[in-house]
Amino acid sequence: MKPTANQQVLHHRGNYLVRRQRLAPGEATPWHRDPFHRVTVVLAGDLLNIEFRDGSEKQSWKIAVGEVDWSEPSDRVHRAVNIGKEAFEEV
């Protein structure tokens, strides 16, 4: 599994950041925390696992293109892993 994600910053001003992220099948984001509110718009993909560094149970996310998700800030260290057959893409 490749631990890198393709991320592109589309806009950044103050506390606001808009980025596009892509994960090929088998790729993972780096381990990270999400300290801010986050809105995700899914552009492509089929299945992700959210893994937690503390060893907690993984969370599967069956993706629907066009889905919009709201996430609260969290200090929990995690990463997303594309376990699907399609490339994942979000803004």
PDB file of N, CA and C in Angstrom:
ATOM      1  N   MET A   1       0.856  -1.184   0.000  1.00  0.00           N
ATOM      2  CA  MET A   1       0.000   0.000   0.000  1.00  0.00           C
ATOM      3  C   MET A   1       0.893   1.236   0.000  1.00  0.00           C
ATOM      4  N   LYS A   2       0.667   2.101  -0.954  1.00  0.00           N
ATOM      5  CA  LYS A   2       1.418   3.356  -1.027  1.00  0.00           C
ATOM      6  C   LYS A   2       0.815   4.349  -0.036  1.00  0.00           C
ATOM      7  N   PRO A   3       1.625   4.942   0.868  1.00  0.00           N
ATOM      8  CA  PRO A   3       1.069   5.818   1.901  1.00  0.00           C
ATOM      9  C   PRO A   3       0.931   7.272   1.473  1.00  0.00           C
ATOM     10  N   THR A   4       0.892   7.566   0.182  1.00  0.00           N
ATOM     11  CA  THR A   4       0.787   8.955  -0.221  1.00  0.00           C
ATOM     12  C   THR A   4      -0.476   9.211  -1.013  1.00  0.00           C
ATOM     13  N   ALA A   5      -0.999  10.391  -0.867  1.00  0.00           N
ATOM     14  CA  ALA A   5      -2.190  10.820  -1.598  1.00  0.00           C
ATOM     15  C   ALA A   5      -1.805  12.000  -2.476  1.00  0.00           C
ATOM     16  N   ASN A   6      -2.493  12.137  -3.566  1.00  0.00           N
ATOM     17  CA  ASN A   6      -2.275  13.268  -4.455  1.00  0.00           C
ATOM     18  C   ASN A   6      -3.208  14.388  -4.004  1.00  0.00           C
ATOM     19  N   GLN A   7      -2.656  15.466  -3.458  1.00  0.00           N
ATOM     20  CA  GLN A   7      -3.450  16.592  -2.962  1.00  0.00           C
ATOM     21  C   GLN A   7      -3.069  17.864  -3.694  1.00  0.00           C
ATOM     22  N   GLN A   8      -4.083  18.648  -4.041  1.00  0.00           N
ATOM     23  CA  GLN A   8      -3.870  19.912  -4.735  1.00  0.00           C
ATOM     24  C   GLN A   8      -4.679  20.987  -4.017  1.00  0.00           C
ATOM     25  N   VAL A   9      -4.028  22.059  -3.591  1.00  0.00           N
ATOM     26  CA  VAL A   9      -4.721  23.171  -2.959  1.00  0.00           C
ATOM     27  C   VAL A   9      -5.346  24.026  -4.060  1.00  0.00           C
ATOM     28  N   LEU A  10      -6.673  24.194  -4.004  1.00  0.00           N
ATOM     29  CA  LEU A  10      -7.393  24.991  -4.994  1.00  0.00           C
ATOM     30  C   LEU A  10      -7.589  26.423  -4.521  1.00  0.00           C
ATOM     31  N   HIS A  11      -7.703  26.604  -3.193  1.00  0.00           N
ATOM     32  CA  HIS A  11      -7.905  27.937  -2.626  1.00  0.00           C
ATOM     33  C   HIS A  11      -7.520  27.894  -1.158  1.00  0.00           C
ATOM     34  N   HIS A  12      -6.835  28.936  -0.692  1.00  0.00           N
ATOM     35  CA  HIS A  12      -6.498  29.038   0.733  1.00  0.00           C
ATOM     36  C   HIS A  12      -6.515  30.500   1.121  1.00  0.00           C
ATOM     37  N   ARG A  13      -7.324  30.801   2.125  1.00  0.00           N
ATOM     38  CA  ARG A  13      -7.396  32.163   2.657  1.00  0.00           C
ATOM     39  C   ARG A  13      -7.764  32.079   4.130  1.00  0.00           C
ATOM     40  N   GLY A  14      -6.907  32.605   4.993  1.00  0.00           N
ATOM     41  CA  GLY A  14      -7.174  32.547   6.432  1.00  0.00           C
ATOM     42  C   GLY A  14      -7.333  31.103   6.887  1.00  0.00           C
ATOM     43  N   ASN A  15      -8.462  30.826   7.550  1.00  0.00           N
ATOM     44  CA  ASN A  15      -8.740  29.480   8.047  1.00  0.00           C
ATOM     45  C   ASN A  15      -9.446  28.603   7.030  1.00  0.00           C
ATOM     46  N   TYR A  16      -9.626  29.085   5.802  1.00  0.00           N
ATOM     47  CA  TYR A  16     -10.367  28.332   4.794  1.00  0.00           C
ATOM     48  C   TYR A  16      -9.421  27.716   3.776  1.00  0.00           C
ATOM     49  N   LEU A  17      -9.617  26.442   3.526  1.00  0.00           N
ATOM     50  CA  LEU A  17      -8.793  25.709   2.584  1.00  0.00           C
ATOM     51  C   LEU A  17      -9.703  24.847   1.721  1.00  0.00           C
ATOM     52  N   VAL A  18      -9.527  24.938   0.414  1.00  0.00           N
ATOM     53  CA  VAL A  18     -10.236  24.063  -0.516  1.00  0.00           C
ATOM     54  C   VAL A  18      -9.159  23.265  -1.229  1.00  0.00           C
ATOM     55  N   ARG A  19      -9.293  21.944  -1.164  1.00  0.00           N
ATOM     56  CA  ARG A  19      -8.299  21.103  -1.816  1.00  0.00           C
ATOM     57  C   ARG A  19      -8.987  19.961  -2.548  1.00  0.00           C
ATOM     58  N   ARG A  20      -8.297  19.457  -3.537  1.00  0.00           N
ATOM     59  CA  ARG A  20      -8.736  18.266  -4.263  1.00  0.00           C
ATOM     60  C   ARG A  20      -7.775  17.158  -3.861  1.00  0.00           C
ATOM     61  N   GLN A  21      -8.333  16.012  -3.553  1.00  0.00           N
ATOM     62  CA  GLN A  21      -7.502  14.879  -3.152  1.00  0.00           C
ATOM     63  C   GLN A  21      -7.895  13.661  -3.973  1.00  0.00           C
ATOM     64  N   ARG A  22      -6.883  12.933  -4.416  1.00  0.00           N
ATOM     65  CA  ARG A  22      -7.116  11.711  -5.183  1.00  0.00           C
ATOM     66  C   ARG A  22      -6.348  10.564  -4.531  1.00  0.00           C
ATOM     67  N   LEU A  23      -6.970   9.404  -4.517  1.00  0.00           N
ATOM     68  CA  LEU A  23      -6.325   8.183  -4.029  1.00  0.00           C
ATOM     69  C   LEU A  23      -6.567   7.081  -5.055  1.00  0.00           C
ATOM     70  N   ALA A  24      -5.512   6.546  -5.633  1.00  0.00           N
ATOM     71  CA  ALA A  24      -5.640   5.395  -6.515  1.00  0.00           C
ATOM     72  C   ALA A  24      -5.962   4.170  -5.659  1.00  0.00           C
ATOM     73  N   PRO A  25      -6.513   3.120  -6.247  1.00  0.00           N
ATOM     74  CA  PRO A  25      -6.736   1.894  -5.468  1.00  0.00           C
ATOM     75  C   PRO A  25      -5.438   1.453  -4.789  1.00  0.00           C
ATOM     76  N   GLY A  26      -5.540   1.166  -3.503  1.00  0.00           N
ATOM     77  CA  GLY A  26      -4.384   0.744  -2.715  1.00  0.00           C
ATOM     78  C   GLY A  26      -3.626   1.878  -2.058  1.00  0.00           C
ATOM     79  N   GLU A  27      -3.883   3.130  -2.439  1.00  0.00           N
ATOM     80  CA  GLU A  27      -3.193   4.265  -1.826  1.00  0.00           C
ATOM     81  C   GLU A  27      -3.872   4.672  -0.521  1.00  0.00           C
ATOM     82  N   ALA A  28      -3.084   5.350   0.326  1.00  0.00           N
ATOM     83  CA  ALA A  28      -3.583   5.839   1.605  1.00  0.00           C
ATOM     84  C   ALA A  28      -3.121   7.273   1.819  1.00  0.00           C
ATOM     85  N   THR A  29      -3.896   8.025   2.572  1.00  0.00           N
ATOM     86  CA  THR A  29      -3.445   9.346   2.988  1.00  0.00           C
ATOM     87  C   THR A  29      -2.400   9.161   4.081  1.00  0.00           C
ATOM     88  N   PRO A  30      -1.570  10.155   4.331  1.00  0.00           N
ATOM     89  CA  PRO A  30      -0.669  10.077   5.489  1.00  0.00           C
ATOM     90  C   PRO A  30      -1.500  10.060   6.785  1.00  0.00           C
ATOM     91  N   TRP A  31      -0.934   9.548   7.855  1.00  0.00           N
ATOM     92  CA  TRP A  31      -1.588   9.628   9.162  1.00  0.00           C
ATOM     93  C   TRP A  31      -1.746  11.101   9.498  1.00  0.00           C
ATOM     94  N   HIS A  32      -2.916  11.473  10.005  1.00  0.00           N
ATOM     95  CA  HIS A  32      -3.169  12.887  10.286  1.00  0.00           C
ATOM     96  C   HIS A  32      -4.321  13.051  11.264  1.00  0.00           C
ATOM     97  N   ARG A  33      -4.521  14.297  11.700  1.00  0.00           N
ATOM     98  CA  ARG A  33      -5.678  14.711  12.510  1.00  0.00           C
ATOM     99  C   ARG A  33      -6.462  15.718  11.682  1.00  0.00           C
ATOM    100  N   ASP A  34      -7.730  15.873  11.972  1.00  0.00           N
ATOM    101  CA  ASP A  34      -8.569  16.885  11.316  1.00  0.00           C
ATOM    102  C   ASP A  34      -8.992  17.909  12.370  1.00  0.00           C
ATOM    103  N   PRO A  35      -8.197  18.956  12.604  1.00  0.00           N
ATOM    104  CA  PRO A  35      -8.486  19.906  13.682  1.00  0.00           C
ATOM    105  C   PRO A  35      -9.564  20.932  13.343  1.00  0.00           C
ATOM    106  N   PHE A  36     -10.084  20.915  12.115  1.00  0.00           N
ATOM    107  CA  PHE A  36     -11.093  21.891  11.704  1.00  0.00           C
ATOM    108  C   PHE A  36     -12.331  21.180  11.174  1.00  0.00           C
ATOM    109  N   HIS A  37     -13.462  21.894  11.125  1.00  0.00           N
ATOM    110  CA  HIS A  37     -14.645  21.362  10.456  1.00  0.00           C
ATOM    111  C   HIS A  37     -14.280  21.073   9.005  1.00  0.00           C
ATOM    112  N   ARG A  38     -14.918  20.055   8.445  1.00  0.00           N
ATOM    113  CA  ARG A  38     -14.561  19.664   7.085  1.00  0.00           C
ATOM    114  C   ARG A  38     -15.802  19.265   6.312  1.00  0.00           C
ATOM    115  N   VAL A  39     -15.913  19.771   5.098  1.00  0.00           N
ATOM    116  CA  VAL A  39     -16.969  19.375   4.172  1.00  0.00           C
ATOM    117  C   VAL A  39     -16.295  18.665   3.014  1.00  0.00           C
ATOM    118  N   THR A  40     -16.779  17.477   2.685  1.00  0.00           N
ATOM    119  CA  THR A  40     -16.232  16.696   1.587  1.00  0.00           C
ATOM    120  C   THR A  40     -17.302  16.503   0.528  1.00  0.00           C
ATOM    121  N   VAL A  41     -16.948  16.751  -0.727  1.00  0.00           N
ATOM    122  CA  VAL A  41     -17.811  16.449  -1.864  1.00  0.00           C
ATOM    123  C   VAL A  41     -17.107  15.353  -2.658  1.00  0.00           C
ATOM    124  N   VAL A  42     -17.750  14.200  -2.788  1.00  0.00           N
ATOM    125  CA  VAL A  42     -17.154  13.050  -3.465  1.00  0.00           C
ATOM    126  C   VAL A  42     -17.369  13.171  -4.972  1.00  0.00           C
ATOM    127  N   LEU A  43     -16.263  13.099  -5.716  1.00  0.00           N
ATOM    128  CA  LEU A  43     -16.321  13.185  -7.175  1.00  0.00           C
ATOM    129  C   LEU A  43     -16.194  11.816  -7.839  1.00  0.00           C
ATOM    130  N   ALA A  44     -15.528  10.871  -7.180  1.00  0.00           N
ATOM    131  CA  ALA A  44     -15.334   9.538  -7.752  1.00  0.00           C
ATOM    132  C   ALA A  44     -14.933   8.573  -6.646  1.00  0.00           C
ATOM    133  N   GLY A  45     -15.134   7.302  -6.885  1.00  0.00           N
ATOM    134  CA  GLY A  45     -14.697   6.275  -5.942  1.00  0.00           C
ATOM    135  C   GLY A  45     -15.794   5.290  -5.611  1.00  0.00           C
ATOM    136  N   ASP A  46     -15.427   4.252  -4.856  1.00  0.00           N
ATOM    137  CA  ASP A  46     -16.412   3.254  -4.466  1.00  0.00           C
ATOM    138  C   ASP A  46     -16.292   2.784  -3.016  1.00  0.00           C
ATOM    139  N   LEU A  47     -15.059   2.686  -2.468  1.00  0.00           N
ATOM    140  CA  LEU A  47     -14.957   2.164  -1.105  1.00  0.00           C
ATOM    141  C   LEU A  47     -13.652   2.611  -0.444  1.00  0.00           C
ATOM    142  N   LEU A  48     -13.773   3.181   0.748  1.00  0.00           N
ATOM    143  CA  LEU A  48     -12.615   3.571   1.565  1.00  0.00           C
ATOM    144  C   LEU A  48     -12.712   2.900   2.924  1.00  0.00           C
ATOM    145  N   ASN A  49     -11.575   2.688   3.543  1.00  0.00           N
ATOM    146  CA  ASN A  49     -11.506   2.346   4.956  1.00  0.00           C
ATOM    147  C   ASN A  49     -10.868   3.520   5.674  1.00  0.00           C
ATOM    148  N   ILE A  50     -11.404   3.871   6.829  1.00  0.00           N
ATOM    149  CA  ILE A  50     -10.769   4.846   7.711  1.00  0.00           C
ATOM    150  C   ILE A  50     -10.099   4.026   8.816  1.00  0.00           C
ATOM    151  N   GLU A  51      -8.774   4.118   8.877  1.00  0.00           N
ATOM    152  CA  GLU A  51      -7.994   3.379   9.868  1.00  0.00           C
ATOM    153  C   GLU A  51      -7.536   4.339  10.949  1.00  0.00           C
ATOM    154  N   PHE A  52      -7.457   3.830  12.184  1.00  0.00           N
ATOM    155  CA  PHE A  52      -7.057   4.645  13.327  1.00  0.00           C
ATOM    156  C   PHE A  52      -5.720   4.151  13.866  1.00  0.00           C
ATOM    157  N   ARG A  53      -4.821   5.076  14.121  1.00  0.00           N
ATOM    158  CA  ARG A  53      -3.478   4.719  14.568  1.00  0.00           C
ATOM    159  C   ARG A  53      -3.514   3.997  15.913  1.00  0.00           C
ATOM    160  N   ASP A  54      -4.541   4.252  16.746  1.00  0.00           N
ATOM    161  CA  ASP A  54      -4.619   3.597  18.061  1.00  0.00           C
ATOM    162  C   ASP A  54      -5.078   2.144  17.965  1.00  0.00           C
ATOM    163  N   GLY A  55      -5.305   1.643  16.738  1.00  0.00           N
ATOM    164  CA  GLY A  55      -5.691   0.247  16.564  1.00  0.00           C
ATOM    165  C   GLY A  55      -7.177  -0.017  16.681  1.00  0.00           C
ATOM    166  N   SER A  56      -7.980   1.021  16.831  1.00  0.00           N
ATOM    167  CA  SER A  56      -9.428   0.846  16.909  1.00  0.00           C
ATOM    168  C   SER A  56      -9.957   0.232  15.615  1.00  0.00           C
ATOM    169  N   GLU A  57     -11.172  -0.264  15.698  1.00  0.00           N
ATOM    170  CA  GLU A  57     -11.801  -0.896  14.536  1.00  0.00           C
ATOM    171  C   GLU A  57     -11.892   0.085  13.360  1.00  0.00           C
ATOM    172  N   LYS A  58     -11.575  -0.412  12.164  1.00  0.00           N
ATOM    173  CA  LYS A  58     -11.665   0.388  10.946  1.00  0.00           C
ATOM    174  C   LYS A  58     -13.124   0.724  10.659  1.00  0.00           C
ATOM    175  N   GLN A  59     -13.329   1.853   9.999  1.00  0.00           N
ATOM    176  CA  GLN A  59     -14.663   2.237   9.552  1.00  0.00           C
ATOM    177  C   GLN A  59     -14.688   2.194   8.032  1.00  0.00           C
ATOM    178  N   SER A  60     -15.605   1.439   7.459  1.00  0.00           N
ATOM    179  CA  SER A  60     -15.747   1.381   6.012  1.00  0.00           C
ATOM    180  C   SER A  60     -16.685   2.479   5.541  1.00  0.00           C
ATOM    181  N   TRP A  61     -16.357   3.067   4.414  1.00  0.00           N
ATOM    182  CA  TRP A  61     -17.196   4.117   3.823  1.00  0.00           C
ATOM    183  C   TRP A  61     -17.496   3.712   2.393  1.00  0.00           C
ATOM    184  N   LYS A  62     -18.726   3.211   2.164  1.00  0.00           N
ATOM    185  CA  LYS A  62     -19.180   2.889   0.815  1.00  0.00           C
ATOM    186  C   LYS A  62     -19.583   4.201   0.174  1.00  0.00           C
ATOM    187  N   ILE A  63     -18.876   4.584  -0.848  1.00  0.00           N
ATOM    188  CA  ILE A  63     -18.966   5.915  -1.422  1.00  0.00           C
ATOM    189  C   ILE A  63     -20.055   6.000  -2.479  1.00  0.00           C
ATOM    190  N   ALA A  64     -20.739   7.131  -2.493  1.00  0.00           N
ATOM    191  CA  ALA A  64     -21.701   7.455  -3.553  1.00  0.00           C
ATOM    192  C   ALA A  64     -21.217   8.752  -4.207  1.00  0.00           C
ATOM    193  N   VAL A  65     -20.979   8.701  -5.506  1.00  0.00           N
ATOM    194  CA  VAL A  65     -20.529   9.899  -6.224  1.00  0.00           C
ATOM    195  C   VAL A  65     -21.579  10.993  -6.053  1.00  0.00           C
ATOM    196  N   GLY A  66     -21.114  12.198  -5.732  1.00  0.00           N
ATOM    197  CA  GLY A  66     -22.009  13.322  -5.469  1.00  0.00           C
ATOM    198  C   GLY A  66     -22.357  13.484  -4.001  1.00  0.00           C
ATOM    199  N   GLU A  67     -21.979  12.514  -3.187  1.00  0.00           N
ATOM    200  CA  GLU A  67     -22.236  12.558  -1.746  1.00  0.00           C
ATOM    201  C   GLU A  67     -21.502  13.736  -1.115  1.00  0.00           C
ATOM    202  N   VAL A  68     -22.148  14.362  -0.143  1.00  0.00           N
ATOM    203  CA  VAL A  68     -21.542  15.452   0.617  1.00  0.00           C
ATOM    204  C   VAL A  68     -21.521  15.021   2.076  1.00  0.00           C
ATOM    205  N   ASP A  69     -20.361  15.155   2.715  1.00  0.00           N
ATOM    206  CA  ASP A  69     -20.194  14.701   4.091  1.00  0.00           C
ATOM    207  C   ASP A  69     -19.636  15.836   4.941  1.00  0.00           C
ATOM    208  N   TRP A  70     -20.140  15.967   6.154  1.00  0.00           N
ATOM    209  CA  TRP A  70     -19.697  16.962   7.128  1.00  0.00           C
ATOM    210  C   TRP A  70     -18.970  16.228   8.244  1.00  0.00           C
ATOM    211  N   SER A  71     -17.748  16.666   8.566  1.00  0.00           N
ATOM    212  CA  SER A  71     -16.985  16.050   9.655  1.00  0.00           C
ATOM    213  C   SER A  71     -16.650  17.088  10.709  1.00  0.00           C
ATOM    214  N   GLU A  72     -16.833  16.703  11.951  1.00  0.00           N
ATOM    215  CA  GLU A  72     -16.464  17.552  13.080  1.00  0.00           C
ATOM    216  C   GLU A  72     -14.956  17.470  13.303  1.00  0.00           C
ATOM    217  N   PRO A  73     -14.352  18.484  13.907  1.00  0.00           N
ATOM    218  CA  PRO A  73     -12.921  18.419  14.224  1.00  0.00           C
ATOM    219  C   PRO A  73     -12.624  17.231  15.141  1.00  0.00           C
ATOM    220  N   SER A  74     -11.426  16.677  14.984  1.00  0.00           N
ATOM    221  CA  SER A  74     -11.033  15.539  15.804  1.00  0.00           C
ATOM    222  C   SER A  74      -9.516  15.522  15.971  1.00  0.00           C
ATOM    223  N   ASP A  75      -9.053  15.167  17.170  1.00  0.00           N
ATOM    224  CA  ASP A  75      -7.628  15.005  17.422  1.00  0.00           C
ATOM    225  C   ASP A  75      -7.191  13.557  17.223  1.00  0.00           C
ATOM    226  N   ARG A  76      -8.118  12.703  16.815  1.00  0.00           N
ATOM    227  CA  ARG A  76      -7.829  11.281  16.638  1.00  0.00           C
ATOM    228  C   ARG A  76      -7.007  11.062  15.363  1.00  0.00           C
ATOM    229  N   VAL A  77      -5.864  10.423  15.493  1.00  0.00           N
ATOM    230  CA  VAL A  77      -4.978  10.185  14.355  1.00  0.00           C
ATOM    231  C   VAL A  77      -5.561   9.055  13.501  1.00  0.00           C
ATOM    232  N   HIS A  78      -5.685   9.321  12.199  1.00  0.00           N
ATOM    233  CA  HIS A  78      -6.302   8.369  11.284  1.00  0.00           C
ATOM    234  C   HIS A  78      -5.762   8.562   9.869  1.00  0.00           C
ATOM    235  N   ARG A  79      -6.181   7.683   8.978  1.00  0.00           N
ATOM    236  CA  ARG A  79      -5.893   7.825   7.555  1.00  0.00           C
ATOM    237  C   ARG A  79      -6.992   7.139   6.765  1.00  0.00           C
ATOM    238  N   ALA A  80      -7.146   7.578   5.531  1.00  0.00           N
ATOM    239  CA  ALA A  80      -8.094   6.949   4.614  1.00  0.00           C
ATOM    240  C   ALA A  80      -7.310   6.041   3.678  1.00  0.00           C
ATOM    241  N   VAL A  81      -7.838   4.842   3.439  1.00  0.00           N
ATOM    242  CA  VAL A  81      -7.213   3.875   2.543  1.00  0.00           C
ATOM    243  C   VAL A  81      -8.225   3.504   1.470  1.00  0.00           C
ATOM    244  N   ASN A  82      -7.845   3.665   0.210  1.00  0.00           N
ATOM    245  CA  ASN A  82      -8.737   3.292  -0.880  1.00  0.00           C
ATOM    246  C   ASN A  82      -8.656   1.785  -1.073  1.00  0.00           C
ATOM    247  N   ILE A  83      -9.684   1.066  -0.602  1.00  0.00           N
ATOM    248  CA  ILE A  83      -9.730  -0.392  -0.744  1.00  0.00           C
ATOM    249  C   ILE A  83     -10.643  -0.796  -1.897  1.00  0.00           C
ATOM    250  N   GLY A  84     -11.116   0.198  -2.639  1.00  0.00           N
ATOM    251  CA  GLY A  84     -12.025  -0.064  -3.743  1.00  0.00           C
ATOM    252  C   GLY A  84     -11.288  -0.375  -5.033  1.00  0.00           C
ATOM    253  N   LYS A  85     -12.080  -0.547  -6.088  1.00  0.00           N
ATOM    254  CA  LYS A  85     -11.544  -0.851  -7.416  1.00  0.00           C
ATOM    255  C   LYS A  85     -11.382   0.412  -8.258  1.00  0.00           C
ATOM    256  N   GLU A  86     -11.978   1.517  -7.805  1.00  0.00           N
ATOM    257  CA  GLU A  86     -11.944   2.779  -8.553  1.00  0.00           C
ATOM    258  C   GLU A  86     -11.083   3.797  -7.819  1.00  0.00           C
ATOM    259  N   ALA A  87     -10.544   4.752  -8.563  1.00  0.00           N
ATOM    260  CA  ALA A  87      -9.829   5.864  -7.951  1.00  0.00           C
ATOM    261  C   ALA A  87     -10.840   6.693  -7.147  1.00  0.00           C
ATOM    262  N   PHE A  88     -10.407   7.173  -5.988  1.00  0.00           N
ATOM    263  CA  PHE A  88     -11.232   8.040  -5.146  1.00  0.00           C
ATOM    264  C   PHE A  88     -10.801   9.473  -5.410  1.00  0.00           C
ATOM    265  N   GLU A  89     -11.782  10.379  -5.486  1.00  0.00           N
ATOM    266  CA  GLU A  89     -11.479  11.803  -5.640  1.00  0.00           C
ATOM    267  C   GLU A  89     -12.503  12.604  -4.865  1.00  0.00           C
ATOM    268  N   GLU A  90     -12.014  13.613  -4.133  1.00  0.00           N
ATOM    269  CA  GLU A  90     -12.877  14.488  -3.344  1.00  0.00           C
ATOM    270  C   GLU A  90     -12.390  15.918  -3.425  1.00  0.00           C
ATOM    271  N   VAL A  91     -13.294  16.854  -3.157  1.00  0.00           N
ATOM    272  CA  VAL A  91     -12.959  18.266  -2.994  1.00  0.00           C
ATOM    273  C   VAL A  91     -13.490  18.641  -1.635  1.00  0.00           C
TER     274      VAL A  91
END
